[in-house]
Amino acid sequence: MGSKVVSTKLSEEEYGKLVGLCSASGYTVSKLLKRAILERMNEEGIQEVPTPKPASREEPKVIQTPQVKSTIQSEDRFQYY
């Protein structure tokens, strides 16, 4: 299973508080945010939703079988002048 990126914008003040919190706790910004998100999801009782399987594509059904001429007819020949 692959990873997905989650991003948000913070004001200068909010970002400063986040960096201060990270320094105090010893976590990087990414690790702290991931832990906070996962803890909140566990509190809310949100379970992981399975990724839907891609729909299988069936071959198109042929309505009519093409008719191919087996020999060259006079109307099929090109005339050069």
PDB file of N, CA and C in Angstrom:
ATOM      1  N   MET A   1       0.855  -1.165   0.000  1.00  0.00           N
ATOM      2  CA  MET A   1       0.000   0.000   0.000  1.00  0.00           C
ATOM      3  C   MET A   1       0.899   1.225   0.000  1.00  0.00           C
ATOM      4  N   GLY A   2       0.604   2.184  -0.845  1.00  0.00           N
ATOM      5  CA  GLY A   2       1.420   3.386  -0.976  1.00  0.00           C
ATOM      6  C   GLY A   2       1.062   4.438   0.046  1.00  0.00           C
ATOM      7  N   SER A   3       1.879   5.459   0.098  1.00  0.00           N
ATOM      8  CA  SER A   3       1.653   6.578   1.013  1.00  0.00           C
ATOM      9  C   SER A   3       1.059   7.750   0.257  1.00  0.00           C
ATOM     10  N   LYS A   4       0.310   8.574   0.945  1.00  0.00           N
ATOM     11  CA  LYS A   4      -0.278   9.780   0.374  1.00  0.00           C
ATOM     12  C   LYS A   4       0.206  10.977   1.171  1.00  0.00           C
ATOM     13  N   VAL A   5       0.315  12.116   0.513  1.00  0.00           N
ATOM     14  CA  VAL A   5       0.774  13.347   1.150  1.00  0.00           C
ATOM     15  C   VAL A   5      -0.440  14.163   1.567  1.00  0.00           C
ATOM     16  N   VAL A   6      -0.397  14.694   2.776  1.00  0.00           N
ATOM     17  CA  VAL A   6      -1.434  15.586   3.282  1.00  0.00           C
ATOM     18  C   VAL A   6      -0.754  16.909   3.592  1.00  0.00           C
ATOM     19  N   SER A   7      -1.340  18.019   3.115  1.00  0.00           N
ATOM     20  CA  SER A   7      -0.707  19.309   3.375  1.00  0.00           C
ATOM     21  C   SER A   7      -1.751  20.321   3.821  1.00  0.00           C
ATOM     22  N   THR A   8      -1.281  21.382   4.468  1.00  0.00           N
ATOM     23  CA  THR A   8      -2.140  22.471   4.906  1.00  0.00           C
ATOM     24  C   THR A   8      -1.315  23.741   4.987  1.00  0.00           C
ATOM     25  N   LYS A   9      -1.982  24.856   5.048  1.00  0.00           N
ATOM     26  CA  LYS A   9      -1.285  26.137   5.201  1.00  0.00           C
ATOM     27  C   LYS A   9      -1.518  26.640   6.624  1.00  0.00           C
ATOM     28  N   LEU A  10      -0.462  27.196   7.197  1.00  0.00           N
ATOM     29  CA  LEU A  10      -0.526  27.784   8.538  1.00  0.00           C
ATOM     30  C   LEU A  10      -0.042  29.229   8.466  1.00  0.00           C
ATOM     31  N   SER A  11      -0.558  30.027   9.369  1.00  0.00           N
ATOM     32  CA  SER A  11      -0.050  31.399   9.466  1.00  0.00           C
ATOM     33  C   SER A  11       1.348  31.341  10.076  1.00  0.00           C
ATOM     34  N   GLU A  12       2.061  32.448  10.006  1.00  0.00           N
ATOM     35  CA  GLU A  12       3.407  32.500  10.606  1.00  0.00           C
ATOM     36  C   GLU A  12       3.336  32.163  12.095  1.00  0.00           C
ATOM     37  N   GLU A  13       2.340  32.702  12.772  1.00  0.00           N
ATOM     38  CA  GLU A  13       2.179  32.463  14.205  1.00  0.00           C
ATOM     39  C   GLU A  13       1.895  30.989  14.492  1.00  0.00           C
ATOM     40  N   GLU A  14       0.989  30.393  13.717  1.00  0.00           N
ATOM     41  CA  GLU A  14       0.654  28.979  13.913  1.00  0.00           C
ATOM     42  C   GLU A  14       1.861  28.088  13.640  1.00  0.00           C
ATOM     43  N   TYR A  15       2.596  28.411  12.591  1.00  0.00           N
ATOM     44  CA  TYR A  15       3.776  27.622  12.262  1.00  0.00           C
ATOM     45  C   TYR A  15       4.835  27.735  13.358  1.00  0.00           C
ATOM     46  N   GLY A  16       5.011  28.922  13.881  1.00  0.00           N
ATOM     47  CA  GLY A  16       5.972  29.106  14.979  1.00  0.00           C
ATOM     48  C   GLY A  16       5.606  28.266  16.193  1.00  0.00           C
ATOM     49  N   LYS A  17       4.316  28.236  16.524  1.00  0.00           N
ATOM     50  CA  LYS A  17       3.865  27.405  17.653  1.00  0.00           C
ATOM     51  C   LYS A  17       4.102  25.924  17.374  1.00  0.00           C
ATOM     52  N   LEU A  18       3.857  25.509  16.129  1.00  0.00           N
ATOM     53  CA  LEU A  18       4.063  24.106  15.749  1.00  0.00           C
ATOM     54  C   LEU A  18       5.530  23.725  15.878  1.00  0.00           C
ATOM     55  N   VAL A  19       6.417  24.570  15.380  1.00  0.00           N
ATOM     56  CA  VAL A  19       7.854  24.292  15.465  1.00  0.00           C
ATOM     57  C   VAL A  19       8.300  24.256  16.934  1.00  0.00           C
ATOM     58  N   GLY A  20       7.768  25.165  17.741  1.00  0.00           N
ATOM     59  CA  GLY A  20       8.099  25.159  19.172  1.00  0.00           C
ATOM     60  C   GLY A  20       7.635  23.877  19.844  1.00  0.00           C
ATOM     61  N   LEU A  21       6.440  23.420  19.500  1.00  0.00           N
ATOM     62  CA  LEU A  21       5.915  22.172  20.055  1.00  0.00           C
ATOM     63  C   LEU A  21       6.776  20.988  19.627  1.00  0.00           C
ATOM     64  N   CYS A  22       7.205  21.004  18.378  1.00  0.00           N
ATOM     65  CA  CYS A  22       8.072  19.928  17.878  1.00  0.00           C
ATOM     66  C   CYS A  22       9.414  19.924  18.620  1.00  0.00           C
ATOM     67  N   SER A  23       9.981  21.092  18.833  1.00  0.00           N
ATOM     68  CA  SER A  23      11.261  21.179  19.548  1.00  0.00           C
ATOM     69  C   SER A  23      11.121  20.650  20.964  1.00  0.00           C
ATOM     70  N   ALA A  24      10.029  21.002  21.617  1.00  0.00           N
ATOM     71  CA  ALA A  24       9.814  20.578  22.998  1.00  0.00           C
ATOM     72  C   ALA A  24       9.574  19.073  23.109  1.00  0.00           C
ATOM     73  N   SER A  25       8.935  18.491  22.087  1.00  0.00           N
ATOM     74  CA  SER A  25       8.603  17.064  22.156  1.00  0.00           C
ATOM     75  C   SER A  25       9.657  16.167  21.514  1.00  0.00           C
ATOM     76  N   GLY A  26      10.548  16.754  20.711  1.00  0.00           N
ATOM     77  CA  GLY A  26      11.591  15.957  20.072  1.00  0.00           C
ATOM     78  C   GLY A  26      11.154  15.293  18.776  1.00  0.00           C
ATOM     79  N   TYR A  27      10.025  15.684  18.245  1.00  0.00           N
ATOM     80  CA  TYR A  27       9.534  15.138  16.988  1.00  0.00           C
ATOM     81  C   TYR A  27       9.777  16.115  15.845  1.00  0.00           C
ATOM     82  N   THR A  28       9.846  15.559  14.633  1.00  0.00           N
ATOM     83  CA  THR A  28       9.855  16.421  13.457  1.00  0.00           C
ATOM     84  C   THR A  28       8.417  16.894  13.225  1.00  0.00           C
ATOM     85  N   VAL A  29       8.247  17.899  12.385  1.00  0.00           N
ATOM     86  CA  VAL A  29       6.911  18.398  12.073  1.00  0.00           C
ATOM     87  C   VAL A  29       6.071  17.263  11.478  1.00  0.00           C
ATOM     88  N   SER A  30       6.634  16.525  10.535  1.00  0.00           N
ATOM     89  CA  SER A  30       5.891  15.434   9.889  1.00  0.00           C
ATOM     90  C   SER A  30       5.458  14.370  10.885  1.00  0.00           C
ATOM     91  N   LYS A  31       6.387  13.959  11.746  1.00  0.00           N
ATOM     92  CA  LYS A  31       6.081  12.893  12.715  1.00  0.00           C
ATOM     93  C   LYS A  31       5.029  13.356  13.717  1.00  0.00           C
ATOM     94  N   LEU A  32       5.141  14.599  14.187  1.00  0.00           N
ATOM     95  CA  LEU A  32       4.168  15.117  15.140  1.00  0.00           C
ATOM     96  C   LEU A  32       2.772  15.198  14.520  1.00  0.00           C
ATOM     97  N   LEU A  33       2.688  15.701  13.290  1.00  0.00           N
ATOM     98  CA  LEU A  33       1.395  15.800  12.618  1.00  0.00           C
ATOM     99  C   LEU A  33       0.788  14.423  12.362  1.00  0.00           C
ATOM    100  N   LYS A  34       1.607  13.485  11.952  1.00  0.00           N
ATOM    101  CA  LYS A  34       1.097  12.136  11.702  1.00  0.00           C
ATOM    102  C   LYS A  34       0.558  11.518  12.980  1.00  0.00           C
ATOM    103  N   ARG A  35       1.289  11.663  14.069  1.00  0.00           N
ATOM    104  CA  ARG A  35       0.830  11.118  15.351  1.00  0.00           C
ATOM    105  C   ARG A  35      -0.479  11.783  15.776  1.00  0.00           C
ATOM    106  N   ALA A  36      -0.576  13.097  15.606  1.00  0.00           N
ATOM    107  CA  ALA A  36      -1.788  13.817  16.009  1.00  0.00           C
ATOM    108  C   ALA A  36      -2.987  13.363  15.178  1.00  0.00           C
ATOM    109  N   ILE A  37      -2.782  13.197  13.884  1.00  0.00           N
ATOM    110  CA  ILE A  37      -3.878  12.759  13.006  1.00  0.00           C
ATOM    111  C   ILE A  37      -4.328  11.356  13.378  1.00  0.00           C
ATOM    112  N   LEU A  38      -3.391  10.445  13.550  1.00  0.00           N
ATOM    113  CA  LEU A  38      -3.739   9.059  13.879  1.00  0.00           C
ATOM    114  C   LEU A  38      -4.422   8.954  15.239  1.00  0.00           C
ATOM    115  N   GLU A  39      -3.942   9.728  16.231  1.00  0.00           N
ATOM    116  CA  GLU A  39      -4.591   9.714  17.547  1.00  0.00           C
ATOM    117  C   GLU A  39      -6.023  10.225  17.444  1.00  0.00           C
ATOM    118  N   ARG A  40      -6.242  11.275  16.681  1.00  0.00           N
ATOM    119  CA  ARG A  40      -7.587  11.828  16.514  1.00  0.00           C
ATOM    120  C   ARG A  40      -8.503  10.829  15.807  1.00  0.00           C
ATOM    121  N   MET A  41      -7.975  10.149  14.826  1.00  0.00           N
ATOM    122  CA  MET A  41      -8.769   9.147  14.124  1.00  0.00           C
ATOM    123  C   MET A  41      -9.160   8.009  15.064  1.00  0.00           C
ATOM    124  N   ASN A  42      -8.250   7.603  15.932  1.00  0.00           N
ATOM    125  CA  ASN A  42      -8.546   6.543  16.904  1.00  0.00           C
ATOM    126  C   ASN A  42      -9.599   7.006  17.909  1.00  0.00           C
ATOM    127  N   GLU A  43      -9.540   8.273  18.330  1.00  0.00           N
ATOM    128  CA  GLU A  43     -10.539   8.820  19.250  1.00  0.00           C
ATOM    129  C   GLU A  43     -11.922   8.811  18.625  1.00  0.00           C
ATOM    130  N   GLU A  44     -11.988   9.142  17.360  1.00  0.00           N
ATOM    131  CA  GLU A  44     -13.255   9.226  16.648  1.00  0.00           C
ATOM    132  C   GLU A  44     -13.781   7.846  16.246  1.00  0.00           C
ATOM    133  N   GLY A  45     -12.951   6.830  16.383  1.00  0.00           N
ATOM    134  CA  GLY A  45     -13.367   5.490  16.006  1.00  0.00           C
ATOM    135  C   GLY A  45     -13.422   5.280  14.507  1.00  0.00           C
ATOM    136  N   ILE A  46     -12.647   6.069  13.784  1.00  0.00           N
ATOM    137  CA  ILE A  46     -12.615   5.929  12.328  1.00  0.00           C
ATOM    138  C   ILE A  46     -11.750   4.733  11.977  1.00  0.00           C
ATOM    139  N   GLN A  47     -12.318   3.849  11.179  1.00  0.00           N
ATOM    140  CA  GLN A  47     -11.569   2.676  10.747  1.00  0.00           C
ATOM    141  C   GLN A  47     -11.060   2.908   9.334  1.00  0.00           C
ATOM    142  N   GLU A  48     -10.000   2.204   9.016  1.00  0.00           N
ATOM    143  CA  GLU A  48      -9.422   2.337   7.682  1.00  0.00           C
ATOM    144  C   GLU A  48     -10.397   1.790   6.651  1.00  0.00           C
ATOM    145  N   VAL A  49     -10.628   2.563   5.621  1.00  0.00           N
ATOM    146  CA  VAL A  49     -11.529   2.161   4.547  1.00  0.00           C
ATOM    147  C   VAL A  49     -10.702   1.483   3.466  1.00  0.00           C
ATOM    148  N   PRO A  50     -11.083   0.266   3.068  1.00  0.00           N
ATOM    149  CA  PRO A  50     -10.294  -0.408   2.038  1.00  0.00           C
ATOM    150  C   PRO A  50     -10.388   0.334   0.710  1.00  0.00           C
ATOM    151  N   THR A  51      -9.292   0.314  -0.026  1.00  0.00           N
ATOM    152  CA  THR A  51      -9.242   0.953  -1.334  1.00  0.00           C
ATOM    153  C   THR A  51     -10.050   0.109  -2.312  1.00  0.00           C
ATOM    154  N   PRO A  52     -10.961   0.729  -3.066  1.00  0.00           N
ATOM    155  CA  PRO A  52     -11.750  -0.059  -4.011  1.00  0.00           C
ATOM    156  C   PRO A  52     -10.884  -0.637  -5.115  1.00  0.00           C
ATOM    157  N   LYS A  53     -11.258  -1.827  -5.557  1.00  0.00           N
ATOM    158  CA  LYS A  53     -10.519  -2.470  -6.637  1.00  0.00           C
ATOM    159  C   LYS A  53     -10.900  -1.804  -7.950  1.00  0.00           C
ATOM    160  N   PRO A  54      -9.935  -1.679  -8.861  1.00  0.00           N
ATOM    161  CA  PRO A  54     -10.273  -1.079 -10.154  1.00  0.00           C
ATOM    162  C   PRO A  54     -11.281  -1.958 -10.894  1.00  0.00           C
ATOM    163  N   ALA A  55     -12.195  -1.310 -11.584  1.00  0.00           N
ATOM    164  CA  ALA A  55     -13.209  -2.044 -12.344  1.00  0.00           C
ATOM    165  C   ALA A  55     -12.550  -2.798 -13.487  1.00  0.00           C
ATOM    166  N   SER A  56     -12.985  -4.032 -13.674  1.00  0.00           N
ATOM    167  CA  SER A  56     -12.425  -4.808 -14.782  1.00  0.00           C
ATOM    168  C   SER A  56     -13.097  -4.370 -16.069  1.00  0.00           C
ATOM    169  N   ARG A  57     -12.311  -4.286 -17.103  1.00  0.00           N
ATOM    170  CA  ARG A  57     -12.827  -3.843 -18.388  1.00  0.00           C
ATOM    171  C   ARG A  57     -13.027  -5.070 -19.272  1.00  0.00           C
ATOM    172  N   GLU A  58     -14.248  -5.228 -19.718  1.00  0.00           N
ATOM    173  CA  GLU A  58     -14.543  -6.331 -20.616  1.00  0.00           C
ATOM    174  C   GLU A  58     -14.236  -5.922 -22.048  1.00  0.00           C
ATOM    175  N   GLU A  59     -13.918  -6.911 -22.864  1.00  0.00           N
ATOM    176  CA  GLU A  59     -13.693  -6.663 -24.272  1.00  0.00           C
ATOM    177  C   GLU A  59     -15.012  -6.253 -24.908  1.00  0.00           C
ATOM    178  N   PRO A  60     -14.991  -5.289 -25.819  1.00  0.00           N
ATOM    179  CA  PRO A  60     -16.238  -4.914 -26.487  1.00  0.00           C
ATOM    180  C   PRO A  60     -16.760  -6.070 -27.330  1.00  0.00           C
ATOM    181  N   LYS A  61     -18.066  -6.214 -27.357  1.00  0.00           N
ATOM    182  CA  LYS A  61     -18.671  -7.281 -28.131  1.00  0.00           C
ATOM    183  C   LYS A  61     -18.813  -6.836 -29.583  1.00  0.00           C
ATOM    184  N   VAL A  62     -18.476  -7.740 -30.504  1.00  0.00           N
ATOM    185  CA  VAL A  62     -18.572  -7.443 -31.926  1.00  0.00           C
ATOM    186  C   VAL A  62     -20.014  -7.670 -32.351  1.00  0.00           C
ATOM    187  N   ILE A  63     -20.612  -6.643 -32.915  1.00  0.00           N
ATOM    188  CA  ILE A  63     -22.001  -6.751 -33.354  1.00  0.00           C
ATOM    189  C   ILE A  63     -22.072  -7.411 -34.726  1.00  0.00           C
ATOM    190  N   GLN A  64     -21.200  -6.996 -35.640  1.00  0.00           N
ATOM    191  CA  GLN A  64     -21.153  -7.587 -36.967  1.00  0.00           C
ATOM    192  C   GLN A  64     -19.729  -8.015 -37.273  1.00  0.00           C
ATOM    193  N   THR A  65     -19.604  -9.133 -37.943  1.00  0.00           N
ATOM    194  CA  THR A  65     -18.297  -9.592 -38.369  1.00  0.00           C
ATOM    195  C   THR A  65     -17.965  -8.912 -39.688  1.00  0.00           C
ATOM    196  N   PRO A  66     -16.796  -8.265 -39.785  1.00  0.00           N
ATOM    197  CA  PRO A  66     -16.465  -7.581 -41.043  1.00  0.00           C
ATOM    198  C   PRO A  66     -16.272  -8.590 -42.170  1.00  0.00           C
ATOM    199  N   GLN A  67     -16.728  -8.204 -43.351  1.00  0.00           N
ATOM    200  CA  GLN A  67     -16.580  -9.048 -44.533  1.00  0.00           C
ATOM    201  C   GLN A  67     -15.361  -8.572 -45.321  1.00  0.00           C
ATOM    202  N   VAL A  68     -14.451  -9.470 -45.595  1.00  0.00           N
ATOM    203  CA  VAL A  68     -13.229  -9.139 -46.310  1.00  0.00           C
ATOM    204  C   VAL A  68     -13.256  -9.833 -47.660  1.00  0.00           C
ATOM    205  N   LYS A  69     -12.977  -9.090 -48.727  1.00  0.00           N
ATOM    206  CA  LYS A  69     -12.917  -9.676 -50.057  1.00  0.00           C
ATOM    207  C   LYS A  69     -11.656 -10.521 -50.174  1.00  0.00           C
ATOM    208  N   SER A  70     -11.799 -11.667 -50.728  1.00  0.00           N
ATOM    209  CA  SER A  70     -10.635 -12.543 -50.843  1.00  0.00           C
ATOM    210  C   SER A  70      -9.855 -12.306 -52.130  1.00  0.00           C
ATOM    211  N   THR A  71     -10.467 -11.716 -53.146  1.00  0.00           N
ATOM    212  CA  THR A  71      -9.770 -11.443 -54.405  1.00  0.00           C
ATOM    213  C   THR A  71      -9.981  -9.987 -54.792  1.00  0.00           C
ATOM    214  N   ILE A  72      -9.095  -9.484 -55.614  1.00  0.00           N
ATOM    215  CA  ILE A  72      -9.196  -8.103 -56.075  1.00  0.00           C
ATOM    216  C   ILE A  72     -10.165  -8.063 -57.248  1.00  0.00           C
ATOM    217  N   GLN A  73     -11.133  -7.203 -57.183  1.00  0.00           N
ATOM    218  CA  GLN A  73     -12.105  -7.027 -58.259  1.00  0.00           C
ATOM    219  C   GLN A  73     -11.673  -5.846 -59.124  1.00  0.00           C
ATOM    220  N   SER A  74     -12.283  -5.723 -60.270  1.00  0.00           N
ATOM    221  CA  SER A  74     -11.917  -4.649 -61.191  1.00  0.00           C
ATOM    222  C   SER A  74     -12.176  -3.275 -60.575  1.00  0.00           C
ATOM    223  N   GLU A  75     -13.226  -3.117 -59.757  1.00  0.00           N
ATOM    224  CA  GLU A  75     -13.509  -1.815 -59.146  1.00  0.00           C
ATOM    225  C   GLU A  75     -12.513  -1.456 -58.044  1.00  0.00           C
ATOM    226  N   ASP A  76     -11.715  -2.427 -57.607  1.00  0.00           N
ATOM    227  CA  ASP A  76     -10.736  -2.180 -56.561  1.00  0.00           C
ATOM    228  C   ASP A  76      -9.395  -1.697 -57.108  1.00  0.00           C
ATOM    229  N   ARG A  77      -9.200  -1.774 -58.413  1.00  0.00           N
ATOM    230  CA  ARG A  77      -7.932  -1.405 -59.009  1.00  0.00           C
ATOM    231  C   ARG A  77      -7.879   0.089 -59.236  1.00  0.00           C
ATOM    232  N   PHE A  78      -6.678   0.647 -59.105  1.00  0.00           N
ATOM    233  CA  PHE A  78      -6.484   2.081 -59.344  1.00  0.00           C
ATOM    234  C   PHE A  78      -6.147   2.301 -60.805  1.00  0.00           C
ATOM    235  N   GLN A  79      -6.613   3.366 -61.339  1.00  0.00           N
ATOM    236  CA  GLN A  79      -6.286   3.718 -62.716  1.00  0.00           C
ATOM    237  C   GLN A  79      -5.313   4.884 -62.702  1.00  0.00           C
ATOM    238  N   TYR A  80      -4.222   4.742 -63.405  1.00  0.00           N
ATOM    239  CA  TYR A  80      -3.222   5.793 -63.495  1.00  0.00           C
ATOM    240  C   TYR A  80      -3.241   6.386 -64.887  1.00  0.00           C
ATOM    241  N   TYR A  81      -3.129   7.655 -65.016  1.00  0.00           N
ATOM    242  CA  TYR A  81      -3.130   8.334 -66.329  1.00  0.00           C
ATOM    243  C   TYR A  81      -1.794   8.911 -66.614  1.00  0.00           C
TER     244      TYR A  81
END
